[in-house]
PDB file of N, CA and C in Angstrom:
ATOM      1  N   ASP A   1    -170.281-145.826  48.383  1.00  0.00           N
ATOM      2  CA  ASP A   1    -171.598-146.108  48.904  1.00  0.00           C
ATOM      3  C   ASP A   1    -171.969-147.553  48.595  1.00  0.00           C
ATOM      4  N   PRO A   2    -172.662-148.216  49.495  1.00  0.00           N
ATOM      5  CA  PRO A   2    -172.929-149.646  49.314  1.00  0.00           C
ATOM      6  C   PRO A   2    -173.931-149.971  48.208  1.00  0.00           C
ATOM      7  N   THR A   3    -174.685-148.991  47.744  1.00  0.00           N
ATOM      8  CA  THR A   3    -175.680-149.269  46.711  1.00  0.00           C
ATOM      9  C   THR A   3    -175.130-149.126  45.306  1.00  0.00           C
ATOM     10  N   GLY A   4    -174.060-148.379  45.137  1.00  0.00           N
ATOM     11  CA  GLY A   4    -173.525-148.117  43.803  1.00  0.00           C
ATOM     12  C   GLY A   4    -174.192-146.954  43.101  1.00  0.00           C
ATOM     13  N   VAL A   5    -175.161-146.316  43.760  1.00  0.00           N
ATOM     14  CA  VAL A   5    -175.919-145.237  43.135  1.00  0.00           C
ATOM     15  C   VAL A   5    -175.040-144.023  42.842  1.00  0.00           C
ATOM     16  N   GLY A   6    -174.165-143.687  43.768  1.00  0.00           N
ATOM     17  CA  GLY A   6    -173.290-142.539  43.546  1.00  0.00           C
ATOM     18  C   GLY A   6    -172.375-142.754  42.355  1.00  0.00           C
ATOM     19  N   ASP A   7    -171.826-143.946  42.266  1.00  0.00           N
ATOM     20  CA  ASP A   7    -170.966-144.274  41.130  1.00  0.00           C
ATOM     21  C   ASP A   7    -171.753-144.250  39.831  1.00  0.00           C
ATOM     22  N   ALA A   8    -172.989-144.747  39.876  1.00  0.00           N
ATOM     23  CA  ALA A   8    -173.833-144.756  38.677  1.00  0.00           C
ATOM     24  C   ALA A   8    -174.141-143.337  38.231  1.00  0.00           C
ATOM     25  N   PHE A   9    -174.485-142.468  39.193  1.00  0.00           N
ATOM     26  CA  PHE A   9    -174.759-141.076  38.828  1.00  0.00           C
ATOM     27  C   PHE A   9    -173.524-140.446  38.196  1.00  0.00           C
ATOM     28  N   ARG A  10    -172.376-140.616  38.833  1.00  0.00           N
ATOM     29  CA  ARG A  10    -171.142-140.029  38.305  1.00  0.00           C
ATOM     30  C   ARG A  10    -170.843-140.548  36.902  1.00  0.00           C
ATOM     31  N   ALA A  11    -171.025-141.836  36.690  1.00  0.00           N
ATOM     32  CA  ALA A  11    -170.756-142.415  35.369  1.00  0.00           C
ATOM     33  C   ALA A  11    -171.673-141.805  34.318  1.00  0.00           C
ATOM     34  N   GLY A  12    -172.947-141.678  34.632  1.00  0.00           N
ATOM     35  CA  GLY A  12    -173.887-141.081  33.686  1.00  0.00           C
ATOM     36  C   GLY A  12    -173.605-139.606  33.447  1.00  0.00           C
ATOM     37  N   PHE A  13    -173.347-138.880  34.534  1.00  0.00           N
ATOM     38  CA  PHE A  13    -173.080-137.447  34.413  1.00  0.00           C
ATOM     39  C   PHE A  13    -171.813-137.186  33.601  1.00  0.00           C
ATOM     40  N   LEU A  14    -170.756-137.914  33.909  1.00  0.00           N
ATOM     41  CA  LEU A  14    -169.503-137.723  33.170  1.00  0.00           C
ATOM     42  C   LEU A  14    -169.628-138.158  31.716  1.00  0.00           C
ATOM     43  N   SER A  15    -170.432-139.176  31.453  1.00  0.00           N
ATOM     44  CA  SER A  15    -170.690-139.561  30.060  1.00  0.00           C
ATOM     45  C   SER A  15    -171.369-138.423  29.321  1.00  0.00           C
ATOM     46  N   GLY A  16    -172.375-137.838  29.951  1.00  0.00           N
ATOM     47  CA  GLY A  16    -173.061-136.705  29.339  1.00  0.00           C
ATOM     48  C   GLY A  16    -172.115-135.551  29.050  1.00  0.00           C
ATOM     49  N   LEU A  17    -171.230-135.256  29.983  1.00  0.00           N
ATOM     50  CA  LEU A  17    -170.252-134.191  29.751  1.00  0.00           C
ATOM     51  C   LEU A  17    -169.340-134.527  28.574  1.00  0.00           C
ATOM     52  N   ALA A  18    -168.912-135.783  28.498  1.00  0.00           N
ATOM     53  CA  ALA A  18    -168.044-136.208  27.392  1.00  0.00           C
ATOM     54  C   ALA A  18    -168.767-136.109  26.054  1.00  0.00           C
ATOM     55  N   TRP A  19    -170.072-136.333  26.057  1.00  0.00           N
ATOM     56  CA  TRP A  19    -170.865-136.229  24.828  1.00  0.00           C
ATOM     57  C   TRP A  19    -171.078-134.777  24.411  1.00  0.00           C
ATOM     58  N   GLY A  20    -170.873-133.847  25.331  1.00  0.00           N
ATOM     59  CA  GLY A  20    -171.071-132.438  25.014  1.00  0.00           C
ATOM     60  C   GLY A  20    -172.500-131.955  25.188  1.00  0.00           C
ATOM     61  N   VAL A  21    -173.339-132.724  25.909  1.00  0.00           N
ATOM     62  CA  VAL A  21    -174.699-132.246  26.168  1.00  0.00           C
ATOM     63  C   VAL A  21    -174.655-131.240  27.309  1.00  0.00           C
ATOM     64  N   SER A  22    -175.759-130.566  27.545  1.00  0.00           N
ATOM     65  CA  SER A  22    -175.817-129.551  28.595  1.00  0.00           C
ATOM     66  C   SER A  22    -175.624-130.183  29.975  1.00  0.00           C
ATOM     67  N   LEU A  23    -175.304-129.356  30.951  1.00  0.00           N
ATOM     68  CA  LEU A  23    -175.166-129.842  32.320  1.00  0.00           C
ATOM     69  C   LEU A  23    -176.469-130.468  32.815  1.00  0.00           C
ATOM     70  N   GLU A  24    -177.584-129.842  32.470  1.00  0.00           N
ATOM     71  CA  GLU A  24    -178.881-130.390  32.869  1.00  0.00           C
ATOM     72  C   GLU A  24    -179.088-131.786  32.267  1.00  0.00           C
ATOM     73  N   ARG A  25    -178.798-131.921  30.983  1.00  0.00           N
ATOM     74  CA  ARG A  25    -178.993-133.200  30.319  1.00  0.00           C
ATOM     75  C   ARG A  25    -178.043-134.253  30.885  1.00  0.00           C
ATOM     76  N   ALA A  26    -176.800-133.868  31.158  1.00  0.00           N
ATOM     77  CA  ALA A  26    -175.838-134.798  31.754  1.00  0.00           C
ATOM     78  C   ALA A  26    -176.327-135.258  33.128  1.00  0.00           C
ATOM     79  N   ALA A  27    -176.883-134.334  33.909  1.00  0.00           N
ATOM     80  CA  ALA A  27    -177.422-134.699  35.220  1.00  0.00           C
ATOM     81  C   ALA A  27    -178.610-135.641  35.071  1.00  0.00           C
ATOM     82  N   GLN A  28    -179.424-135.438  34.052  1.00  0.00           N
ATOM     83  CA  GLN A  28    -180.556-136.342  33.809  1.00  0.00           C
ATOM     84  C   GLN A  28    -180.076-137.742  33.456  1.00  0.00           C
ATOM     85  N   VAL A  29    -179.039-137.838  32.656  1.00  0.00           N
ATOM     86  CA  VAL A  29    -178.473-139.154  32.326  1.00  0.00           C
ATOM     87  C   VAL A  29    -177.970-139.818  33.606  1.00  0.00           C
ATOM     88  N   GLY A  30    -177.273-139.063  34.429  1.00  0.00           N
ATOM     89  CA  GLY A  30    -176.791-139.604  35.699  1.00  0.00           C
ATOM     90  C   GLY A  30    -177.914-140.050  36.609  1.00  0.00           C
ATOM     91  N   CYS A  31    -178.957-139.249  36.686  1.00  0.00           N
ATOM     92  CA  CYS A  31    -180.103-139.608  37.532  1.00  0.00           C
ATOM     93  C   CYS A  31    -180.794-140.872  37.034  1.00  0.00           C
ATOM     94  N   MET A  32    -180.954-140.986  35.716  1.00  0.00           N
ATOM     95  CA  MET A  32    -181.620-142.172  35.187  1.00  0.00           C
ATOM     96  C   MET A  32    -180.793-143.426  35.438  1.00  0.00           C
ATOM     97  N   LEU A  33    -179.489-143.333  35.230  1.00  0.00           N
ATOM     98  CA  LEU A  33    -178.630-144.480  35.486  1.00  0.00           C
ATOM     99  C   LEU A  33    -178.672-144.852  36.969  1.00  0.00           C
ATOM    100  N   ALA A  34    -178.632-143.860  37.844  1.00  0.00           N
ATOM    101  CA  ALA A  34    -178.711-144.112  39.277  1.00  0.00           C
ATOM    102  C   ALA A  34    -180.047-144.752  39.652  1.00  0.00           C
ATOM    103  N   THR A  35    -181.116-144.320  39.015  1.00  0.00           N
ATOM    104  CA  THR A  35    -182.433-144.898  39.268  1.00  0.00           C
ATOM    105  C   THR A  35    -182.459-146.377  38.909  1.00  0.00           C
ATOM    106  N   LEU A  36    -181.924-146.710  37.747  1.00  0.00           N
ATOM    107  CA  LEU A  36    -181.907-148.107  37.325  1.00  0.00           C
ATOM    108  C   LEU A  36    -181.061-148.967  38.260  1.00  0.00           C
ATOM    109  N   VAL A  37    -179.992-148.393  38.783  1.00  0.00           N
ATOM    110  CA  VAL A  37    -179.134-149.136  39.706  1.00  0.00           C
ATOM    111  C   VAL A  37    -179.832-149.344  41.045  1.00  0.00           C
ATOM    112  N   ILE A  38    -180.462-148.311  41.588  1.00  0.00           N
ATOM    113  CA  ILE A  38    -181.086-148.429  42.914  1.00  0.00           C
ATOM    114  C   ILE A  38    -182.286-149.368  42.883  1.00  0.00           C
ATOM    115  N   GLU A  39    -182.886-149.550  41.735  1.00  0.00           N
ATOM    116  CA  GLU A  39    -184.027-150.458  41.606  1.00  0.00           C
ATOM    117  C   GLU A  39    -183.603-151.924  41.535  1.00  0.00           C
ATOM    118  N   THR A  40    -182.326-152.178  41.473  1.00  0.00           N
ATOM    119  CA  THR A  40    -181.805-153.539  41.327  1.00  0.00           C
ATOM    120  C   THR A  40    -181.318-154.067  42.669  1.00  0.00           C
ATOM    121  N   VAL A  41    -181.704-155.290  42.987  1.00  0.00           N
ATOM    122  CA  VAL A  41    -181.227-155.930  44.211  1.00  0.00           C
ATOM    123  C   VAL A  41    -179.802-156.423  43.962  1.00  0.00           C
ATOM    124  N   GLY A  42    -178.902-156.054  44.846  1.00  0.00           N
ATOM    125  CA  GLY A  42    -177.495-156.437  44.702  1.00  0.00           C
ATOM    126  C   GLY A  42    -176.674-155.256  44.202  1.00  0.00           C
ATOM    127  N   THR A  43    -175.403-155.276  44.487  1.00  0.00           N
ATOM    128  CA  THR A  43    -174.561-154.124  44.187  1.00  0.00           C
ATOM    129  C   THR A  43    -174.062-154.063  42.749  1.00  0.00           C
ATOM    130  N   GLN A  44    -173.882-155.183  42.113  1.00  0.00           N
ATOM    131  CA  GLN A  44    -173.346-155.206  40.753  1.00  0.00           C
ATOM    132  C   GLN A  44    -174.223-156.059  39.840  1.00  0.00           C
ATOM    133  N   GLU A  45    -175.492-156.164  40.155  1.00  0.00           N
ATOM    134  CA  GLU A  45    -176.375-157.094  39.459  1.00  0.00           C
ATOM    135  C   GLU A  45    -177.147-156.467  38.302  1.00  0.00           C
ATOM    136  N   TYR A  46    -177.097-155.168  38.147  1.00  0.00           N
ATOM    137  CA  TYR A  46    -177.906-154.517  37.115  1.00  0.00           C
ATOM    138  C   TYR A  46    -177.317-154.755  35.730  1.00  0.00           C
ATOM    139  N   GLN A  47    -178.207-154.729  34.753  1.00  0.00           N
ATOM    140  CA  GLN A  47    -177.802-154.795  33.353  1.00  0.00           C
ATOM    141  C   GLN A  47    -178.382-153.572  32.667  1.00  0.00           C
ATOM    142  N   LEU A  48    -177.548-152.839  31.992  1.00  0.00           N
ATOM    143  CA  LEU A  48    -178.009-151.642  31.299  1.00  0.00           C
ATOM    144  C   LEU A  48    -178.390-152.019  29.872  1.00  0.00           C
ATOM    145  N   ARG A  49    -179.671-151.930  29.592  1.00  0.00           N
ATOM    146  CA  ARG A  49    -180.172-152.213  28.248  1.00  0.00           C
ATOM    147  C   ARG A  49    -180.579-150.889  27.614  1.00  0.00           C
ATOM    148  N   ARG A  50    -180.026-150.629  26.448  1.00  0.00           N
ATOM    149  CA  ARG A  50    -180.220-149.348  25.766  1.00  0.00           C
ATOM    150  C   ARG A  50    -181.705-149.011  25.606  1.00  0.00           C
ATOM    151  N   ALA A  51    -182.502-149.942  25.094  1.00  0.00           N
ATOM    152  CA  ALA A  51    -183.918-149.672  24.835  1.00  0.00           C
ATOM    153  C   ALA A  51    -184.665-149.353  26.130  1.00  0.00           C
ATOM    154  N   HIS A  52    -184.383-150.112  27.181  1.00  0.00           N
ATOM    155  CA  HIS A  52    -185.039-149.870  28.475  1.00  0.00           C
ATOM    156  C   HIS A  52    -184.628-148.508  29.039  1.00  0.00           C
ATOM    157  N   PHE A  53    -183.332-148.206  28.954  1.00  0.00           N
ATOM    158  CA  PHE A  53    -182.842-146.911  29.428  1.00  0.00           C
ATOM    159  C   PHE A  53    -183.551-145.784  28.694  1.00  0.00           C
ATOM    160  N   MET A  54    -183.619-145.877  27.373  1.00  0.00           N
ATOM    161  CA  MET A  54    -184.232-144.800  26.590  1.00  0.00           C
ATOM    162  C   MET A  54    -185.731-144.687  26.841  1.00  0.00           C
ATOM    163  N   ASP A  55    -186.404-145.800  27.035  1.00  0.00           N
ATOM    164  CA  ASP A  55    -187.831-145.759  27.350  1.00  0.00           C
ATOM    165  C   ASP A  55    -188.066-145.027  28.667  1.00  0.00           C
ATOM    166  N   ARG A  56    -187.332-145.391  29.678  1.00  0.00           N
ATOM    167  CA  ARG A  56    -187.465-144.743  30.985  1.00  0.00           C
ATOM    168  C   ARG A  56    -187.041-143.278  30.919  1.00  0.00           C
ATOM    169  N   PHE A  57    -185.954-143.006  30.206  1.00  0.00           N
ATOM    170  CA  PHE A  57    -185.454-141.645  30.083  1.00  0.00           C
ATOM    171  C   PHE A  57    -186.492-140.757  29.395  1.00  0.00           C
ATOM    172  N   THR A  58    -187.088-141.252  28.324  1.00  0.00           N
ATOM    173  CA  THR A  58    -188.097-140.494  27.584  1.00  0.00           C
ATOM    174  C   THR A  58    -189.314-140.214  28.453  1.00  0.00           C
ATOM    175  N   LYS A  59    -189.761-141.207  29.194  1.00  0.00           N
ATOM    176  CA  LYS A  59    -190.920-141.016  30.077  1.00  0.00           C
ATOM    177  C   LYS A  59    -190.624-140.002  31.173  1.00  0.00           C
ATOM    178  N   ALA A  60    -189.404-139.999  31.661  1.00  0.00           N
ATOM    179  CA  ALA A  60    -189.039-139.098  32.754  1.00  0.00           C
ATOM    180  C   ALA A  60    -188.768-137.672  32.286  1.00  0.00           C
ATOM    181  N   TYR A  61    -188.108-137.519  31.123  1.00  0.00           N
ATOM    182  CA  TYR A  61    -187.615-136.207  30.726  1.00  0.00           C
ATOM    183  C   TYR A  61    -188.164-135.691  29.393  1.00  0.00           C
ATOM    184  N   GLY A  62    -188.884-136.524  28.675  1.00  0.00           N
ATOM    185  CA  GLY A  62    -189.518-136.074  27.436  1.00  0.00           C
ATOM    186  C   GLY A  62    -188.723-136.402  26.181  1.00  0.00           C
ATOM    187  N   HIS A  63    -189.398-136.179  25.061  1.00  0.00           N
ATOM    188  CA  HIS A  63    -188.824-136.543  23.767  1.00  0.00           C
ATOM    189  C   HIS A  63    -187.635-135.672  23.358  1.00  0.00           C
ATOM    190  N   GLU A  64    -187.670-134.404  23.687  1.00  0.00           N
ATOM    191  CA  GLU A  64    -186.551-133.524  23.345  1.00  0.00           C
ATOM    192  C   GLU A  64    -185.275-133.964  24.062  1.00  0.00           C
ATOM    193  N   ALA A  65    -185.411-134.277  25.343  1.00  0.00           N
ATOM    194  CA  ALA A  65    -184.256-134.753  26.113  1.00  0.00           C
ATOM    195  C   ALA A  65    -183.750-136.073  25.552  1.00  0.00           C
ATOM    196  N   ALA A  66    -184.665-136.959  25.205  1.00  0.00           N
ATOM    197  CA  ALA A  66    -184.280-138.256  24.655  1.00  0.00           C
ATOM    198  C   ALA A  66    -183.531-138.093  23.335  1.00  0.00           C
ATOM    199  N   ALA A  67    -183.980-137.164  22.517  1.00  0.00           N
ATOM    200  CA  ALA A  67    -183.308-136.933  21.228  1.00  0.00           C
ATOM    201  C   ALA A  67    -181.873-136.446  21.447  1.00  0.00           C
ATOM    202  N   ASP A  68    -181.644-135.660  22.492  1.00  0.00           N
ATOM    203  CA  ASP A  68    -180.298-135.171  22.788  1.00  0.00           C
ATOM    204  C   ASP A  68    -179.349-136.301  23.196  1.00  0.00           C
ATOM    205  N   VAL A  69    -179.899-137.345  23.782  1.00  0.00           N
ATOM    206  CA  VAL A  69    -179.083-138.418  24.357  1.00  0.00           C
ATOM    207  C   VAL A  69    -178.982-139.641  23.444  1.00  0.00           C
ATOM    208  N   GLN A  70    -180.040-139.950  22.751  1.00  0.00           N
ATOM    209  CA  GLN A  70    -180.119-141.223  22.019  1.00  0.00           C
ATOM    210  C   GLN A  70    -178.966-141.443  21.046  1.00  0.00           C
ATOM    211  N   ALA A  71    -178.558-140.441  20.338  1.00  0.00           N
ATOM    212  CA  ALA A  71    -177.478-140.614  19.345  1.00  0.00           C
ATOM    213  C   ALA A  71    -176.180-141.080  20.010  1.00  0.00           C
ATOM    214  N   HIS A  72    -176.000-140.730  21.253  1.00  0.00           N
ATOM    215  CA  HIS A  72    -174.768-141.097  21.954  1.00  0.00           C
ATOM    216  C   HIS A  72    -174.799-142.523  22.487  1.00  0.00           C
ATOM    217  N   LEU A  73    -175.958-143.134  22.449  1.00  0.00           N
ATOM    218  CA  LEU A  73    -176.089-144.508  22.934  1.00  0.00           C
ATOM    219  C   LEU A  73    -176.124-145.526  21.814  1.00  0.00           C
ATOM    220  N   ALA A  74    -176.043-145.064  20.585  1.00  0.00           N
ATOM    221  CA  ALA A  74    -176.128-145.974  19.425  1.00  0.00           C
ATOM    222  C   ALA A  74    -174.870-146.777  19.253  1.00  0.00           C
TER     223      ALA A  74
END
């Protein structure tokens, strides 16, 4: 896909699976990564910043979800 969103979702989802989080949580990681990519102009121009990712992830999915993911991003 020309936006890179599909690849971003897959990367996030597969990362979540590798971390051993639930399928729902892995899908949330994929969705958040895809969101950050689609908001960026250009196909390879995004920069993934841990703090920004976690802030957006927490706002979207809540503190419990963030706690499940944060340790894997350290």
